[in-house]
């Protein structure tokens, strides 16, 4: 028996609340979760919150607000929006919606490379189906399917979107010899985020007398690991994984030294230990819900 299709995260930018509500309902019927934004500014905030790799597609109104405090939609919105998404996520599937009957042909003329739909003449399911077919061709979609239980931890908000982007980058490039040091640095940053999430959880006591200046995350990674292991919050093989990731990433990623450089196999082993920690983190937080 085949598994159900993956739920897609679709950003819909439109200043019509009724239309957004309709798209939200139709999205669920098509296996898509709609994230509404009333302006391009609001869309950028959602992009920053969830990370670039979170999104599977975007639907843009052809005339919309650029800023939250605008009262009148800007006609140049669509060009600003297209340029933004091309820069941030070049391969993100995109659909453009219009309700303007009189300018239909001219719209197609000045946006010849875009998929344009008429709001009144096109069922939402057609738009969502187009986005699904397009996103199936993306490497990120295949990663999200392969490591679904890992990315589910980010979907639930247990770790920030910035770290989701780092992890996706790691999974895409962990086989590349020239990226060994950069990849290990990414591993360390994701591990820091895991420890920070555990450290900041209100169910557990923070580290006493920790110096917040040691790291932009608050206490240093080593301080966090000592606290978490001393309190028994990380134990068994997860404790071993955390310390091994820390030492490997510190010795060969964060610091320059004369030690023999690790191979890509060491990077891959470090990444897979990191994946296990992320899944475990999600299980820990789910048990507290």
C-alpha atoms as a PDB file:
ATOM      1  CA  UNK A   1       0.000   0.000   0.000  1.00  0.00           C
ATOM      2  CA  UNK A   2       1.517   3.341  -1.092  1.00  0.00           C
ATOM      3  CA  UNK A   3       1.977   6.126   1.438  1.00  0.00           C
ATOM      4  CA  UNK A   4      -0.096   9.317   1.062  1.00  0.00           C
ATOM      5  CA  UNK A   5       1.466  12.226  -0.864  1.00  0.00           C
ATOM      6  CA  UNK A   6       3.636  14.589   1.120  1.00  0.00           C
ATOM      7  CA  UNK A   7       1.875  17.706   2.415  1.00  0.00           C
ATOM      8  CA  UNK A   8       3.293  20.676   0.497  1.00  0.00           C
ATOM      9  CA  UNK A   9       3.959  24.078   2.062  1.00  0.00           C
ATOM     10  CA  UNK A  10       2.633  26.732  -0.300  1.00  0.00           C
ATOM     11  CA  UNK A  11       3.088  30.472   0.258  1.00  0.00           C
ATOM     12  CA  UNK A  12       0.128  32.479  -1.077  1.00  0.00           C
ATOM     13  CA  UNK A  13       0.607  36.251  -1.371  1.00  0.00           C
ATOM     14  CA  UNK A  14      -2.674  38.118  -1.835  1.00  0.00           C
ATOM     15  CA  UNK A  15      -4.354  41.039  -0.066  1.00  0.00           C
ATOM     16  CA  UNK A  16      -7.863  39.589  -0.431  1.00  0.00           C
ATOM     17  CA  UNK A  17      -8.766  37.835   2.814  1.00  0.00           C
ATOM     18  CA  UNK A  18     -11.733  36.003   1.283  1.00  0.00           C
ATOM     19  CA  UNK A  19      -9.536  34.615  -1.478  1.00  0.00           C
ATOM     20  CA  UNK A  20      -6.887  33.532   1.029  1.00  0.00           C
ATOM     21  CA  UNK A  21      -9.532  31.703   3.064  1.00  0.00           C
ATOM     22  CA  UNK A  22     -10.767  29.971  -0.078  1.00  0.00           C
ATOM     23  CA  UNK A  23      -7.235  28.969  -1.059  1.00  0.00           C
ATOM     24  CA  UNK A  24      -6.591  27.650   2.442  1.00  0.00           C
ATOM     25  CA  UNK A  25      -9.634  25.357   2.262  1.00  0.00           C
ATOM     26  CA  UNK A  26      -8.890  24.204  -1.283  1.00  0.00           C
ATOM     27  CA  UNK A  27      -5.242  23.691  -0.380  1.00  0.00           C
ATOM     28  CA  UNK A  28      -6.052  21.109   2.277  1.00  0.00           C
ATOM     29  CA  UNK A  29      -8.285  19.308  -0.216  1.00  0.00           C
ATOM     30  CA  UNK A  30      -5.267  19.116  -2.551  1.00  0.00           C
ATOM     31  CA  UNK A  31      -2.759  18.025   0.102  1.00  0.00           C
ATOM     32  CA  UNK A  32      -1.231  21.473   0.498  1.00  0.00           C
ATOM     33  CA  UNK A  33      -0.830  23.650   3.575  1.00  0.00           C
ATOM     34  CA  UNK A  34      -1.366  27.286   2.612  1.00  0.00           C
ATOM     35  CA  UNK A  35       0.659  29.951   4.413  1.00  0.00           C
ATOM     36  CA  UNK A  36      -1.056  33.308   3.701  1.00  0.00           C
ATOM     37  CA  UNK A  37       0.703  36.656   3.351  1.00  0.00           C
ATOM     38  CA  UNK A  38      -1.081  39.957   2.732  1.00  0.00           C
ATOM     39  CA  UNK A  39       2.015  41.662   1.305  1.00  0.00           C
ATOM     40  CA  UNK A  40       5.477  40.986  -0.048  1.00  0.00           C
ATOM     41  CA  UNK A  41       6.883  42.215   3.269  1.00  0.00           C
ATOM     42  CA  UNK A  42       4.811  39.608   5.137  1.00  0.00           C
ATOM     43  CA  UNK A  43       5.966  36.934   2.680  1.00  0.00           C
ATOM     44  CA  UNK A  44       9.599  37.829   3.361  1.00  0.00           C
ATOM     45  CA  UNK A  45       8.990  37.515   7.106  1.00  0.00           C
ATOM     46  CA  UNK A  46       7.549  34.020   6.620  1.00  0.00           C
ATOM     47  CA  UNK A  47      10.518  33.097   4.453  1.00  0.00           C
ATOM     48  CA  UNK A  48      12.901  34.170   7.211  1.00  0.00           C
ATOM     49  CA  UNK A  49      10.886  32.409   9.905  1.00  0.00           C
ATOM     50  CA  UNK A  50      10.673  29.008   8.208  1.00  0.00           C
ATOM     51  CA  UNK A  51      13.805  29.034   6.040  1.00  0.00           C
ATOM     52  CA  UNK A  52      14.157  28.850   2.267  1.00  0.00           C
ATOM     53  CA  UNK A  53      14.088  25.054   2.124  1.00  0.00           C
ATOM     54  CA  UNK A  54      10.687  24.882   3.833  1.00  0.00           C
ATOM     55  CA  UNK A  55       8.730  25.998   0.780  1.00  0.00           C
ATOM     56  CA  UNK A  56       7.370  23.888  -2.061  1.00  0.00           C
ATOM     57  CA  UNK A  57       5.707  26.608  -4.107  1.00  0.00           C
ATOM     58  CA  UNK A  58       4.401  30.169  -4.166  1.00  0.00           C
ATOM     59  CA  UNK A  59       1.187  31.672  -5.540  1.00  0.00           C
ATOM     60  CA  UNK A  60       1.298  35.409  -6.297  1.00  0.00           C
ATOM     61  CA  UNK A  61      -1.518  37.856  -6.954  1.00  0.00           C
ATOM     62  CA  UNK A  62      -0.554  39.940  -9.949  1.00  0.00           C
ATOM     63  CA  UNK A  63      -1.354  43.219  -8.125  1.00  0.00           C
ATOM     64  CA  UNK A  64      -0.775  43.280  -4.366  1.00  0.00           C
ATOM     65  CA  UNK A  65       0.703  45.214  -1.462  1.00  0.00           C
ATOM     66  CA  UNK A  66       4.467  45.476  -1.171  1.00  0.00           C
ATOM     67  CA  UNK A  67       4.541  46.758   2.410  1.00  0.00           C
ATOM     68  CA  UNK A  68       2.268  45.925   5.341  1.00  0.00           C
ATOM     69  CA  UNK A  69       1.277  49.562   5.885  1.00  0.00           C
ATOM     70  CA  UNK A  70       0.266  50.250   2.297  1.00  0.00           C
ATOM     71  CA  UNK A  71      -3.396  50.969   1.580  1.00  0.00           C
ATOM     72  CA  UNK A  72      -3.380  50.628  -2.206  1.00  0.00           C
ATOM     73  CA  UNK A  73      -1.836  47.691  -4.109  1.00  0.00           C
ATOM     74  CA  UNK A  74       1.149  48.543  -6.289  1.00  0.00           C
ATOM     75  CA  UNK A  75       1.060  47.638 -10.006  1.00  0.00           C
ATOM     76  CA  UNK A  76       4.810  46.926  -9.948  1.00  0.00           C
ATOM     77  CA  UNK A  77       4.331  44.353  -7.163  1.00  0.00           C
ATOM     78  CA  UNK A  78       4.557  41.335  -9.434  1.00  0.00           C
ATOM     79  CA  UNK A  79       7.966  42.291 -10.841  1.00  0.00           C
ATOM     80  CA  UNK A  80       9.337  42.963  -7.344  1.00  0.00           C
ATOM     81  CA  UNK A  81       7.934  39.653  -6.095  1.00  0.00           C
ATOM     82  CA  UNK A  82       9.248  37.604  -9.029  1.00  0.00           C
ATOM     83  CA  UNK A  83      12.716  39.157  -8.679  1.00  0.00           C
ATOM     84  CA  UNK A  84      12.728  38.410  -4.937  1.00  0.00           C
ATOM     85  CA  UNK A  85      11.771  34.756  -5.269  1.00  0.00           C
ATOM     86  CA  UNK A  86      14.130  34.215  -8.204  1.00  0.00           C
ATOM     87  CA  UNK A  87      16.962  35.511  -6.045  1.00  0.00           C
ATOM     88  CA  UNK A  88      16.046  33.652  -2.857  1.00  0.00           C
ATOM     89  CA  UNK A  89      14.852  30.304  -4.272  1.00  0.00           C
ATOM     90  CA  UNK A  90      15.509  30.130  -8.029  1.00  0.00           C
ATOM     91  CA  UNK A  91      13.882  26.711  -8.482  1.00  0.00           C
ATOM     92  CA  UNK A  92      10.754  27.389  -6.397  1.00  0.00           C
ATOM     93  CA  UNK A  93       7.626  26.550  -8.453  1.00  0.00           C
ATOM     94  CA  UNK A  94       5.516  29.659  -8.977  1.00  0.00           C
ATOM     95  CA  UNK A  95       1.985  30.471 -10.154  1.00  0.00           C
ATOM     96  CA  UNK A  96       0.489  33.919 -10.780  1.00  0.00           C
ATOM     97  CA  UNK A  97      -3.195  34.702 -10.313  1.00  0.00           C
ATOM     98  CA  UNK A  98      -5.210  37.521 -11.892  1.00  0.00           C
ATOM     99  CA  UNK A  99      -8.865  38.567 -11.844  1.00  0.00           C
ATOM    100  CA  UNK A 100      -8.456  41.080 -14.665  1.00  0.00           C
ATOM    101  CA  UNK A 101     -10.423  39.955 -17.743  1.00  0.00           C
ATOM    102  CA  UNK A 102      -9.508  42.904 -19.928  1.00  0.00           C
ATOM    103  CA  UNK A 103      -5.728  42.590 -19.610  1.00  0.00           C
ATOM    104  CA  UNK A 104      -5.457  38.798 -19.892  1.00  0.00           C
ATOM    105  CA  UNK A 105      -3.599  38.761 -23.208  1.00  0.00           C
ATOM    106  CA  UNK A 106      -1.317  41.671 -22.302  1.00  0.00           C
ATOM    107  CA  UNK A 107      -0.443  40.023 -18.988  1.00  0.00           C
ATOM    108  CA  UNK A 108       0.627  36.866 -20.783  1.00  0.00           C
ATOM    109  CA  UNK A 109       2.626  39.037 -23.149  1.00  0.00           C
ATOM    110  CA  UNK A 110       4.756  40.838 -20.564  1.00  0.00           C
ATOM    111  CA  UNK A 111       5.163  37.749 -18.367  1.00  0.00           C
ATOM    112  CA  UNK A 112       5.789  35.115 -21.061  1.00  0.00           C
ATOM    113  CA  UNK A 113       7.799  32.757 -18.836  1.00  0.00           C
ATOM    114  CA  UNK A 114       5.280  32.626 -15.995  1.00  0.00           C
ATOM    115  CA  UNK A 115       2.372  30.256 -15.382  1.00  0.00           C
ATOM    116  CA  UNK A 116      -0.660  32.567 -15.150  1.00  0.00           C
ATOM    117  CA  UNK A 117      -4.163  31.580 -14.045  1.00  0.00           C
ATOM    118  CA  UNK A 118      -7.468  33.462 -13.935  1.00  0.00           C
ATOM    119  CA  UNK A 119      -8.994  33.393 -10.459  1.00  0.00           C
ATOM    120  CA  UNK A 120     -12.571  33.058 -11.659  1.00  0.00           C
ATOM    121  CA  UNK A 121     -11.909  30.626 -14.492  1.00  0.00           C
ATOM    122  CA  UNK A 122      -9.416  28.247 -12.864  1.00  0.00           C
ATOM    123  CA  UNK A 123     -10.149  25.859 -10.026  1.00  0.00           C
ATOM    124  CA  UNK A 124      -7.622  26.084  -7.206  1.00  0.00           C
ATOM    125  CA  UNK A 125      -6.981  22.353  -7.496  1.00  0.00           C
ATOM    126  CA  UNK A 126      -5.495  22.941 -10.951  1.00  0.00           C
ATOM    127  CA  UNK A 127      -3.007  25.449  -9.508  1.00  0.00           C
ATOM    128  CA  UNK A 128      -2.033  23.189  -6.613  1.00  0.00           C
ATOM    129  CA  UNK A 129      -1.648  20.212  -8.954  1.00  0.00           C
ATOM    130  CA  UNK A 130       0.697  22.239 -11.179  1.00  0.00           C
ATOM    131  CA  UNK A 131       2.845  23.191  -8.175  1.00  0.00           C
ATOM    132  CA  UNK A 132       2.955  19.570  -7.000  1.00  0.00           C
ATOM    133  CA  UNK A 133       4.087  18.322 -10.398  1.00  0.00           C
ATOM    134  CA  UNK A 134       6.788  20.985 -10.539  1.00  0.00           C
ATOM    135  CA  UNK A 135       8.087  20.416  -7.010  1.00  0.00           C
ATOM    136  CA  UNK A 136       8.482  16.679  -7.656  1.00  0.00           C
ATOM    137  CA  UNK A 137      11.423  17.600  -9.888  1.00  0.00           C
ATOM    138  CA  UNK A 138      13.301  19.403  -7.107  1.00  0.00           C
ATOM    139  CA  UNK A 139      16.187  17.862  -5.143  1.00  0.00           C
ATOM    140  CA  UNK A 140      14.772  19.369  -1.942  1.00  0.00           C
ATOM    141  CA  UNK A 141      11.504  17.507  -2.425  1.00  0.00           C
ATOM    142  CA  UNK A 142      13.360  14.213  -2.731  1.00  0.00           C
ATOM    143  CA  UNK A 143      15.356  15.057   0.404  1.00  0.00           C
ATOM    144  CA  UNK A 144      12.171  15.905   2.302  1.00  0.00           C
ATOM    145  CA  UNK A 145      10.711  12.522   1.350  1.00  0.00           C
ATOM    146  CA  UNK A 146      13.865  10.566   2.188  1.00  0.00           C
ATOM    147  CA  UNK A 147      14.377  12.261   5.561  1.00  0.00           C
ATOM    148  CA  UNK A 148      10.739  13.019   6.364  1.00  0.00           C
ATOM    149  CA  UNK A 149      11.020  12.257  10.101  1.00  0.00           C
ATOM    150  CA  UNK A 150      13.967  14.650  10.364  1.00  0.00           C
ATOM    151  CA  UNK A 151      12.342  17.578   8.573  1.00  0.00           C
ATOM    152  CA  UNK A 152       9.135  16.995  10.537  1.00  0.00           C
ATOM    153  CA  UNK A 153      11.010  18.277  13.605  1.00  0.00           C
ATOM    154  CA  UNK A 154      11.528  21.602  11.813  1.00  0.00           C
ATOM    155  CA  UNK A 155       7.943  21.642  10.535  1.00  0.00           C
ATOM    156  CA  UNK A 156       6.764  21.504  14.156  1.00  0.00           C
ATOM    157  CA  UNK A 157       8.924  24.506  15.058  1.00  0.00           C
ATOM    158  CA  UNK A 158      11.295  22.665  17.398  1.00  0.00           C
ATOM    159  CA  UNK A 159      14.297  24.056  15.502  1.00  0.00           C
ATOM    160  CA  UNK A 160      14.533  27.326  13.513  1.00  0.00           C
ATOM    161  CA  UNK A 161      14.309  27.608   9.743  1.00  0.00           C
ATOM    162  CA  UNK A 162      17.901  28.802   9.495  1.00  0.00           C
ATOM    163  CA  UNK A 163      19.087  25.426  10.781  1.00  0.00           C
ATOM    164  CA  UNK A 164      16.744  23.636   8.383  1.00  0.00           C
ATOM    165  CA  UNK A 165      18.506  25.391   5.518  1.00  0.00           C
ATOM    166  CA  UNK A 166      21.902  24.392   6.933  1.00  0.00           C
ATOM    167  CA  UNK A 167      20.857  20.774   7.259  1.00  0.00           C
ATOM    168  CA  UNK A 168      19.500  20.650   3.707  1.00  0.00           C
ATOM    169  CA  UNK A 169      22.794  22.100   2.488  1.00  0.00           C
ATOM    170  CA  UNK A 170      24.668  19.405   4.409  1.00  0.00           C
ATOM    171  CA  UNK A 171      22.586  16.604   2.941  1.00  0.00           C
ATOM    172  CA  UNK A 172      23.093  17.950  -0.564  1.00  0.00           C
ATOM    173  CA  UNK A 173      26.856  18.500  -0.281  1.00  0.00           C
ATOM    174  CA  UNK A 174      28.199  16.051   2.328  1.00  0.00           C
ATOM    175  CA  UNK A 175      29.841  13.959  -0.433  1.00  0.00           C
ATOM    176  CA  UNK A 176      32.014  16.829  -1.721  1.00  0.00           C
ATOM    177  CA  UNK A 177      35.705  16.690  -0.810  1.00  0.00           C
ATOM    178  CA  UNK A 178      36.263  20.436  -1.157  1.00  0.00           C
ATOM    179  CA  UNK A 179      33.499  21.192   1.374  1.00  0.00           C
ATOM    180  CA  UNK A 180      34.740  19.018   4.258  1.00  0.00           C
ATOM    181  CA  UNK A 181      35.662  21.905   6.573  1.00  0.00           C
ATOM    182  CA  UNK A 182      32.584  24.005   5.728  1.00  0.00           C
ATOM    183  CA  UNK A 183      30.303  21.011   6.225  1.00  0.00           C
ATOM    184  CA  UNK A 184      31.774  20.249   9.637  1.00  0.00           C
ATOM    185  CA  UNK A 185      31.256  23.870  10.654  1.00  0.00           C
ATOM    186  CA  UNK A 186      27.610  23.515   9.613  1.00  0.00           C
ATOM    187  CA  UNK A 187      27.346  20.364  11.736  1.00  0.00           C
ATOM    188  CA  UNK A 188      28.607  22.288  14.740  1.00  0.00           C
ATOM    189  CA  UNK A 189      26.096  25.095  14.163  1.00  0.00           C
ATOM    190  CA  UNK A 190      23.170  22.678  13.968  1.00  0.00           C
ATOM    191  CA  UNK A 191      24.392  20.902  17.118  1.00  0.00           C
ATOM    192  CA  UNK A 192      24.567  24.266  18.887  1.00  0.00           C
ATOM    193  CA  UNK A 193      20.941  24.890  17.921  1.00  0.00           C
ATOM    194  CA  UNK A 194      19.915  21.471  19.268  1.00  0.00           C
ATOM    195  CA  UNK A 195      21.641  22.133  22.586  1.00  0.00           C
ATOM    196  CA  UNK A 196      20.184  25.623  22.760  1.00  0.00           C
ATOM    197  CA  UNK A 197      16.668  24.270  22.190  1.00  0.00           C
ATOM    198  CA  UNK A 198      17.145  21.767  25.016  1.00  0.00           C
ATOM    199  CA  UNK A 199      18.790  24.342  27.268  1.00  0.00           C
ATOM    200  CA  UNK A 200      15.998  26.896  26.772  1.00  0.00           C
ATOM    201  CA  UNK A 201      13.134  24.481  27.272  1.00  0.00           C
ATOM    202  CA  UNK A 202      11.158  25.725  30.300  1.00  0.00           C
ATOM    203  CA  UNK A 203      10.841  22.151  31.610  1.00  0.00           C
ATOM    204  CA  UNK A 204      14.566  22.155  32.492  1.00  0.00           C
ATOM    205  CA  UNK A 205      16.713  24.469  34.553  1.00  0.00           C
ATOM    206  CA  UNK A 206      19.155  26.751  32.686  1.00  0.00           C
ATOM    207  CA  UNK A 207      22.878  26.590  33.205  1.00  0.00           C
ATOM    208  CA  UNK A 208      23.759  28.542  36.369  1.00  0.00           C
ATOM    209  CA  UNK A 209      26.212  31.435  36.036  1.00  0.00           C
ATOM    210  CA  UNK A 210      26.692  30.830  32.285  1.00  0.00           C
ATOM    211  CA  UNK A 211      28.480  33.626  30.470  1.00  0.00           C
ATOM    212  CA  UNK A 212      26.212  34.706  27.570  1.00  0.00           C
ATOM    213  CA  UNK A 213      29.163  36.446  25.882  1.00  0.00           C
ATOM    214  CA  UNK A 214      30.875  33.150  25.090  1.00  0.00           C
ATOM    215  CA  UNK A 215      28.579  32.404  22.178  1.00  0.00           C
ATOM    216  CA  UNK A 216      25.913  34.189  20.168  1.00  0.00           C
ATOM    217  CA  UNK A 217      23.611  31.372  21.272  1.00  0.00           C
ATOM    218  CA  UNK A 218      24.194  32.129  24.969  1.00  0.00           C
ATOM    219  CA  UNK A 219      26.360  29.623  26.845  1.00  0.00           C
ATOM    220  CA  UNK A 220      29.108  27.984  24.804  1.00  0.00           C
ATOM    221  CA  UNK A 221      28.498  24.650  23.142  1.00  0.00           C
ATOM    222  CA  UNK A 222      30.822  22.883  25.590  1.00  0.00           C
ATOM    223  CA  UNK A 223      28.980  24.464  28.549  1.00  0.00           C
ATOM    224  CA  UNK A 224      25.682  23.312  27.113  1.00  0.00           C
ATOM    225  CA  UNK A 225      26.899  19.763  26.550  1.00  0.00           C
ATOM    226  CA  UNK A 226      28.316  19.503  30.078  1.00  0.00           C
ATOM    227  CA  UNK A 227      25.046  20.761  31.548  1.00  0.00           C
ATOM    228  CA  UNK A 228      22.871  18.473  29.421  1.00  0.00           C
ATOM    229  CA  UNK A 229      24.971  15.390  30.141  1.00  0.00           C
ATOM    230  CA  UNK A 230      25.357  16.186  33.869  1.00  0.00           C
ATOM    231  CA  UNK A 231      21.580  16.520  34.168  1.00  0.00           C
ATOM    232  CA  UNK A 232      21.067  13.311  32.226  1.00  0.00           C
ATOM    233  CA  UNK A 233      19.116  15.083  29.480  1.00  0.00           C
ATOM    234  CA  UNK A 234      21.472  13.564  26.909  1.00  0.00           C
ATOM    235  CA  UNK A 235      22.548  10.039  27.765  1.00  0.00           C
ATOM    236  CA  UNK A 236      23.647   6.785  26.200  1.00  0.00           C
ATOM    237  CA  UNK A 237      24.647   6.793  22.557  1.00  0.00           C
ATOM    238  CA  UNK A 238      23.051  10.252  22.037  1.00  0.00           C
ATOM    239  CA  UNK A 239      25.547  11.663  24.537  1.00  0.00           C
ATOM    240  CA  UNK A 240      28.369   9.941  22.642  1.00  0.00           C
ATOM    241  CA  UNK A 241      27.082  11.316  19.347  1.00  0.00           C
ATOM    242  CA  UNK A 242      26.876  14.873  20.680  1.00  0.00           C
ATOM    243  CA  UNK A 243      30.402  14.882  22.069  1.00  0.00           C
ATOM    244  CA  UNK A 244      31.835  13.230  18.958  1.00  0.00           C
ATOM    245  CA  UNK A 245      30.151  15.765  16.684  1.00  0.00           C
ATOM    246  CA  UNK A 246      31.451  18.539  18.911  1.00  0.00           C
ATOM    247  CA  UNK A 247      35.062  17.318  18.895  1.00  0.00           C
ATOM    248  CA  UNK A 248      35.142  16.473  15.176  1.00  0.00           C
ATOM    249  CA  UNK A 249      33.532  19.724  14.096  1.00  0.00           C
ATOM    250  CA  UNK A 250      35.658  21.796  16.478  1.00  0.00           C
ATOM    251  CA  UNK A 251      38.988  20.194  15.568  1.00  0.00           C
ATOM    252  CA  UNK A 252      38.443  20.161  11.811  1.00  0.00           C
ATOM    253  CA  UNK A 253      35.776  22.767  11.166  1.00  0.00           C
ATOM    254  CA  UNK A 254      35.914  25.636  13.639  1.00  0.00           C
ATOM    255  CA  UNK A 255      39.700  25.579  14.152  1.00  0.00           C
ATOM    256  CA  UNK A 256      42.656  25.458  11.797  1.00  0.00           C
ATOM    257  CA  UNK A 257      45.349  22.986  12.897  1.00  0.00           C
ATOM    258  CA  UNK A 258      47.886  20.499  11.568  1.00  0.00           C
ATOM    259  CA  UNK A 259      45.786  17.404  12.237  1.00  0.00           C
ATOM    260  CA  UNK A 260      45.102  15.154   9.239  1.00  0.00           C
ATOM    261  CA  UNK A 261      41.956  16.301   7.480  1.00  0.00           C
ATOM    262  CA  UNK A 262      38.963  13.946   7.834  1.00  0.00           C
ATOM    263  CA  UNK A 263      37.516  12.294   4.752  1.00  0.00           C
ATOM    264  CA  UNK A 264      34.036  12.803   3.330  1.00  0.00           C
ATOM    265  CA  UNK A 265      33.129   9.521   5.047  1.00  0.00           C
ATOM    266  CA  UNK A 266      33.801  11.199   8.394  1.00  0.00           C
ATOM    267  CA  UNK A 267      31.584  14.099   7.343  1.00  0.00           C
ATOM    268  CA  UNK A 268      28.786  11.715   6.355  1.00  0.00           C
ATOM    269  CA  UNK A 269      29.087   9.832   9.646  1.00  0.00           C
ATOM    270  CA  UNK A 270      28.884  13.144  11.516  1.00  0.00           C
ATOM    271  CA  UNK A 271      25.806  14.199   9.540  1.00  0.00           C
ATOM    272  CA  UNK A 272      23.991  10.934  10.215  1.00  0.00           C
ATOM    273  CA  UNK A 273      24.701  11.199  13.947  1.00  0.00           C
ATOM    274  CA  UNK A 274      23.261  14.705  13.730  1.00  0.00           C
ATOM    275  CA  UNK A 275      20.116  13.387  12.035  1.00  0.00           C
ATOM    276  CA  UNK A 276      19.625  10.907  14.854  1.00  0.00           C
ATOM    277  CA  UNK A 277      19.924  13.694  17.429  1.00  0.00           C
ATOM    278  CA  UNK A 278      17.354  15.812  15.574  1.00  0.00           C
ATOM    279  CA  UNK A 279      14.802  12.979  15.497  1.00  0.00           C
ATOM    280  CA  UNK A 280      15.463  12.325  19.191  1.00  0.00           C
ATOM    281  CA  UNK A 281      14.986  16.041  19.951  1.00  0.00           C
ATOM    282  CA  UNK A 282      11.604  15.951  18.239  1.00  0.00           C
ATOM    283  CA  UNK A 283      10.577  12.911  20.259  1.00  0.00           C
ATOM    284  CA  UNK A 284      11.657  14.644  23.480  1.00  0.00           C
ATOM    285  CA  UNK A 285       9.631  17.759  22.726  1.00  0.00           C
ATOM    286  CA  UNK A 286       6.599  15.791  21.542  1.00  0.00           C
ATOM    287  CA  UNK A 287       6.585  13.888  24.837  1.00  0.00           C
ATOM    288  CA  UNK A 288       6.325  17.188  26.721  1.00  0.00           C
ATOM    289  CA  UNK A 289       3.426  18.506  24.663  1.00  0.00           C
END
